[in-house]
Amino acid sequence: MDPVIESLELLGSEYEIVACDPDLADTAKFCEAYGYSPDESANAILVVGKSAERPVACCLVLASTRLDVNGTVRRRLGTRKASFAGAEETVERSGGMQIGGVTPFGLPDDVPVWIDAAVMSCERVIVGGGGRDRKILCPPSTLASLPTAEVVDQLARPPALDS
């Protein structure tokens, strides 16, 4: 069985699979093409600590915000530096998910899921579906019910203003 669907079924929570064109999987294109607001779309981003152990976490932040990689995330990982996992490392550490399709559902058991507190204020949120051809629409409580999930204050910041 598909590990993403299996994870969702085990949770017994509400969710809906939303099909999408793989070429439109990146958040901005997806929101524009399918009519979702960035304020109800959450990016699932694998972040790694730059140390010998390479600690990893899946961070969920609203698409209208920016992940605080060099502040909150770095401190929580316990490393001096942190960065987004590259495409190859994302596939390897997520159990086969590509950037644009990463989801907190079906991740390996050793990957913590950190959810920005702002995500929890949404009525529903759309996240990656494990592949670039689908998304998952669910209430934030479904995300928070994951065994490795933790809601984190100030995981994200407002977007930088273009100058």
Protein backbone atom coordinates (compact mmCIF):
# COMPACT_ATOMS: atom_id res chain seq x y z
CA MET A 1 0.00 0.00 0.00
CA ASP A 2 1.07 3.60 -0.59
CA PRO A 3 2.79 4.80 2.64
CA VAL A 4 1.08 8.22 2.47
CA ILE A 5 -2.43 6.74 2.17
CA GLU A 6 -1.58 4.09 4.77
CA SER A 7 -0.49 6.81 7.21
CA LEU A 8 -3.69 8.79 6.61
CA GLU A 9 -5.87 5.69 7.03
CA LEU A 10 -4.10 4.73 10.27
CA LEU A 11 -4.80 8.18 11.68
CA GLY A 12 -8.49 7.75 10.97
CA SER A 13 -8.72 11.50 10.37
CA GLU A 14 -10.54 13.50 7.73
CA TYR A 15 -8.72 14.10 4.44
CA GLU A 16 -9.27 14.48 0.72
CA ILE A 17 -6.86 13.66 -2.12
CA VAL A 18 -6.66 16.49 -4.68
CA ALA A 19 -5.17 15.52 -8.05
CA CYS A 20 -2.86 18.02 -9.74
CA ASP A 21 -0.73 18.40 -12.81
CA PRO A 22 2.88 17.53 -11.77
CA ASP A 23 4.09 20.62 -13.64
CA LEU A 24 1.92 22.74 -11.32
CA ALA A 25 2.93 21.04 -8.04
CA ASP A 26 5.10 23.91 -6.79
CA THR A 27 3.03 25.93 -4.34
CA ALA A 28 2.71 29.27 -6.14
CA LYS A 29 1.76 27.62 -9.45
CA PHE A 30 -0.60 25.19 -7.72
CA CYS A 31 -2.43 27.91 -5.79
CA GLU A 32 -2.86 30.04 -8.90
CA ALA A 33 -4.00 27.16 -11.11
CA TYR A 34 -6.36 25.51 -8.63
CA GLY A 35 -7.71 28.52 -6.73
CA TYR A 36 -6.19 27.93 -3.29
CA SER A 37 -4.88 30.78 -1.17
CA PRO A 38 -1.27 30.73 0.08
CA ASP A 39 -2.85 31.32 3.51
CA GLU A 40 -4.45 27.85 3.34
CA SER A 41 -1.54 26.08 1.66
CA ALA A 42 1.23 24.63 3.81
CA ASN A 43 4.68 23.86 2.48
CA ALA A 44 6.28 20.69 3.85
CA ILE A 45 10.02 21.30 3.78
CA LEU A 46 12.73 18.87 4.82
CA VAL A 47 15.47 20.69 6.69
CA VAL A 48 18.82 19.24 7.73
CA GLY A 49 21.33 20.35 10.31
CA LYS A 50 24.81 20.91 9.00
CA SER A 51 26.69 18.60 11.34
CA ALA A 52 28.14 15.10 11.13
CA GLU A 53 24.82 13.59 12.30
CA ARG A 54 22.74 15.52 9.71
CA PRO A 55 19.59 15.73 11.89
CA VAL A 56 16.45 16.18 9.81
CA ALA A 57 12.94 17.52 10.37
CA CYS A 58 9.89 18.08 8.19
CA CYS A 59 8.66 21.63 8.76
CA LEU A 60 5.17 22.80 7.80
CA VAL A 61 4.62 26.50 7.27
CA LEU A 62 1.95 28.46 5.45
CA ALA A 63 2.96 29.38 1.91
CA SER A 64 2.39 33.03 2.83
CA THR A 65 5.26 32.86 5.37
CA ARG A 66 8.96 31.94 5.43
CA LEU A 67 10.50 29.11 7.43
CA ASP A 68 12.90 30.45 10.09
CA VAL A 69 15.72 28.08 9.13
CA ASN A 70 18.56 30.03 10.72
CA GLY A 71 16.69 30.76 13.95
CA THR A 72 14.01 28.45 15.33
CA VAL A 73 14.79 25.44 13.11
CA ARG A 74 18.54 25.55 13.63
CA ARG A 75 18.14 25.78 17.42
CA ARG A 76 15.63 22.92 17.49
CA LEU A 77 17.96 20.74 15.41
CA GLY A 78 20.78 21.53 17.83
CA THR A 79 23.22 22.58 15.13
CA ARG A 80 25.17 25.74 14.33
CA LYS A 81 23.74 25.81 10.78
CA ALA A 82 20.76 24.35 8.97
CA SER A 83 19.49 24.39 5.40
CA PHE A 84 16.77 23.03 3.16
CA ALA A 85 17.57 19.47 2.10
CA GLY A 86 18.59 19.33 -1.55
CA ALA A 87 16.54 17.36 -4.08
CA GLU A 88 18.58 14.15 -3.73
CA GLU A 89 18.70 14.24 0.06
CA THR A 90 14.96 15.02 0.20
CA VAL A 91 14.18 11.86 -1.79
CA GLU A 92 16.57 9.81 0.36
CA ARG A 93 15.47 11.08 3.79
CA SER A 94 11.71 11.23 3.03
CA GLY A 95 11.35 7.69 1.77
CA GLY A 96 11.13 8.68 -1.90
CA MET A 97 9.28 12.00 -1.99
CA GLN A 98 10.33 14.70 -4.45
CA ILE A 99 10.42 18.42 -3.73
CA GLY A 100 6.96 19.72 -4.63
CA GLY A 101 5.35 16.55 -3.30
CA VAL A 102 6.76 16.27 0.21
CA THR A 103 4.13 15.57 2.83
CA PRO A 104 4.26 14.86 6.55
CA PHE A 105 2.22 11.71 5.94
CA GLY A 106 4.16 8.49 5.33
CA LEU A 107 7.55 9.85 6.36
CA PRO A 108 10.07 7.52 8.01
CA ASP A 109 9.42 7.18 11.76
CA ASP A 110 12.64 9.01 12.71
CA VAL A 111 11.63 12.27 10.98
CA PRO A 112 9.96 14.72 13.39
CA VAL A 113 7.18 16.89 11.97
CA TRP A 114 7.19 20.50 13.18
CA ILE A 115 4.05 22.51 12.40
CA ASP A 116 4.09 26.28 12.62
CA ALA A 117 1.38 27.40 15.05
CA ALA A 118 -0.19 29.61 12.33
CA VAL A 119 -1.10 26.49 10.34
CA MET A 120 -3.34 25.40 13.21
CA SER A 121 -5.54 28.50 12.82
CA CYS A 122 -6.70 27.41 9.34
CA GLU A 123 -10.06 25.75 8.85
CA ARG A 124 -8.42 23.44 6.32
CA VAL A 125 -5.00 23.29 4.75
CA ILE A 126 -3.62 21.78 1.57
CA VAL A 127 -0.23 20.06 1.72
CA GLY A 128 1.91 17.92 -0.55
CA GLY A 129 0.63 14.44 -1.24
CA GLY A 130 3.82 12.39 -1.41
CA GLY A 131 4.14 12.89 -5.17
CA ARG A 132 3.97 15.84 -7.53
CA ASP A 133 0.64 14.58 -8.94
CA ARG A 134 -1.49 15.05 -5.82
CA LYS A 135 -2.09 17.15 -2.72
CA ILE A 136 -3.88 16.42 0.54
CA LEU A 137 -6.62 18.70 1.84
CA CYS A 138 -7.35 18.26 5.54
CA PRO A 139 -8.07 20.09 8.77
CA PRO A 140 -4.90 21.02 10.69
CA SER A 141 -5.92 18.57 13.42
CA THR A 142 -5.11 15.75 10.96
CA LEU A 143 -1.53 17.05 10.71
CA ALA A 144 -1.24 17.48 14.47
CA SER A 145 -2.41 13.89 15.04
CA LEU A 146 0.72 12.44 13.42
CA PRO A 147 2.78 10.53 16.00
CA THR A 148 5.91 12.67 15.46
CA ALA A 149 4.06 16.01 15.08
CA GLU A 150 4.68 18.99 17.30
CA VAL A 151 3.16 22.46 16.97
CA VAL A 152 5.93 25.07 17.21
CA ASP A 153 5.49 28.78 17.88
CA GLN A 154 7.41 31.06 15.50
CA LEU A 155 8.62 28.31 13.20
CA ALA A 156 7.84 30.76 10.39
CA ARG A 157 8.18 34.49 9.90
CA PRO A 158 6.35 36.92 7.66
CA PRO A 159 7.80 36.98 4.14
CA ALA A 160 10.62 39.41 3.45
CA LEU A 161 9.48 42.55 1.70
CA ASP A 162 10.90 42.96 -1.77
CA SER A 163 12.93 46.13 -2.01
